[in-house]
């Protein structure tokens, strides 16, 4: 029993990195700049209005923009919420 307890508490295993991911918004022909920027400021924590507009312009000019990076579970949540607001989303990109 003692050996299995040590395996559970193995520091190398407990420090394993959580999966990370990127949330990417794609350009489309039906969402307005205002709608995209509003969705970003409403859904992505800490997103400033200025940063939301910069990302919205990047989506328009480059066809896509990474709007959030972090742990996979949160990425899935933000991805789903943005998609529910009608934004065109790329599949979640694991990093």
Protein backbone atom coordinates (compact mmCIF):
# COMPACT_ATOMS: atom_id res chain seq x y z
CA UNK A 1 0.00 0.00 0.00
CA UNK A 2 2.84 2.41 0.82
CA UNK A 3 4.32 2.04 -2.68
CA UNK A 4 1.02 2.92 -4.36
CA UNK A 5 0.74 6.01 -2.16
CA UNK A 6 4.19 7.12 -3.29
CA UNK A 7 3.15 6.64 -6.92
CA UNK A 8 0.13 8.89 -6.38
CA UNK A 9 2.30 11.56 -4.77
CA UNK A 10 5.10 11.33 -7.33
CA UNK A 11 6.10 14.96 -7.87
CA UNK A 12 6.97 14.43 -11.53
CA UNK A 13 3.48 13.16 -12.22
CA UNK A 14 1.75 15.86 -10.15
CA UNK A 15 3.60 18.61 -12.04
CA UNK A 16 2.37 17.38 -15.42
CA UNK A 17 1.25 20.31 -17.54
CA UNK A 18 -2.46 20.74 -18.18
CA UNK A 19 -3.37 20.79 -21.89
CA UNK A 20 -3.49 24.27 -23.37
CA UNK A 21 -5.42 25.53 -26.36
CA UNK A 22 -6.15 28.54 -28.57
CA UNK A 23 -9.58 30.01 -29.32
CA UNK A 24 -9.65 31.35 -32.88
CA UNK A 25 -12.35 33.52 -34.47
CA UNK A 26 -12.69 33.35 -38.26
CA UNK A 27 -13.81 36.07 -40.65
CA UNK A 28 -17.26 35.80 -42.16
CA UNK A 29 -19.56 37.98 -44.23
CA UNK A 30 -22.44 38.36 -41.78
CA UNK A 31 -21.14 39.39 -38.33
CA UNK A 32 -20.57 43.11 -37.86
CA UNK A 33 -17.40 44.53 -36.33
CA UNK A 34 -19.48 45.81 -33.42
CA UNK A 35 -21.00 42.38 -32.75
CA UNK A 36 -17.63 40.61 -32.80
CA UNK A 37 -16.02 43.21 -30.50
CA UNK A 38 -19.01 43.10 -28.11
CA UNK A 39 -18.86 39.29 -27.95
CA UNK A 40 -15.14 39.36 -27.16
CA UNK A 41 -15.50 41.91 -24.35
CA UNK A 42 -18.52 40.10 -22.90
CA UNK A 43 -17.17 36.53 -23.02
CA UNK A 44 -13.38 36.70 -22.74
CA UNK A 45 -12.35 37.70 -19.18
CA UNK A 46 -10.15 40.78 -19.01
CA UNK A 47 -10.72 41.67 -22.67
CA UNK A 48 -10.52 45.44 -23.05
CA UNK A 49 -12.59 47.27 -25.62
CA UNK A 50 -9.41 48.39 -27.42
CA UNK A 51 -8.01 44.87 -27.58
CA UNK A 52 -11.37 43.52 -28.79
CA UNK A 53 -11.38 46.05 -31.64
CA UNK A 54 -7.77 45.25 -32.56
CA UNK A 55 -8.61 41.54 -32.71
CA UNK A 56 -11.79 42.21 -34.69
CA UNK A 57 -9.80 44.18 -37.27
CA UNK A 58 -7.22 41.37 -37.40
CA UNK A 59 -10.01 38.84 -38.06
CA UNK A 60 -11.21 41.01 -40.95
CA UNK A 61 -7.78 41.66 -42.48
CA UNK A 62 -6.08 38.28 -41.92
CA UNK A 63 -9.11 35.98 -41.91
CA UNK A 64 -8.61 34.78 -38.34
CA UNK A 65 -7.30 35.81 -34.94
CA UNK A 66 -6.40 34.02 -31.73
CA UNK A 67 -8.65 35.68 -29.16
CA UNK A 68 -7.69 33.62 -26.11
CA UNK A 69 -5.00 31.15 -25.01
CA UNK A 70 -5.03 29.02 -21.90
CA UNK A 71 -6.16 25.74 -20.43
CA UNK A 72 -8.25 23.48 -22.63
CA UNK A 73 -11.32 23.40 -20.38
CA UNK A 74 -11.68 27.19 -20.40
CA UNK A 75 -10.93 27.30 -24.13
CA UNK A 76 -13.83 24.91 -24.74
CA UNK A 77 -16.14 27.13 -22.70
CA UNK A 78 -15.18 30.38 -24.48
CA UNK A 79 -15.29 28.64 -27.87
CA UNK A 80 -18.82 27.39 -27.21
CA UNK A 81 -20.03 30.75 -25.89
CA UNK A 82 -18.64 32.67 -28.88
CA UNK A 83 -20.13 30.14 -31.30
CA UNK A 84 -23.52 30.46 -29.55
CA UNK A 85 -23.36 34.21 -30.19
CA UNK A 86 -23.04 33.45 -33.90
CA UNK A 87 -19.31 33.98 -34.41
CA UNK A 88 -17.57 31.76 -36.93
CA UNK A 89 -15.04 29.68 -35.02
CA UNK A 90 -12.07 27.56 -36.02
CA UNK A 91 -11.77 24.22 -34.23
CA UNK A 92 -10.00 24.56 -30.88
CA UNK A 93 -6.28 24.36 -31.50
CA UNK A 94 -4.36 22.45 -28.83
CA UNK A 95 -0.87 23.74 -28.09
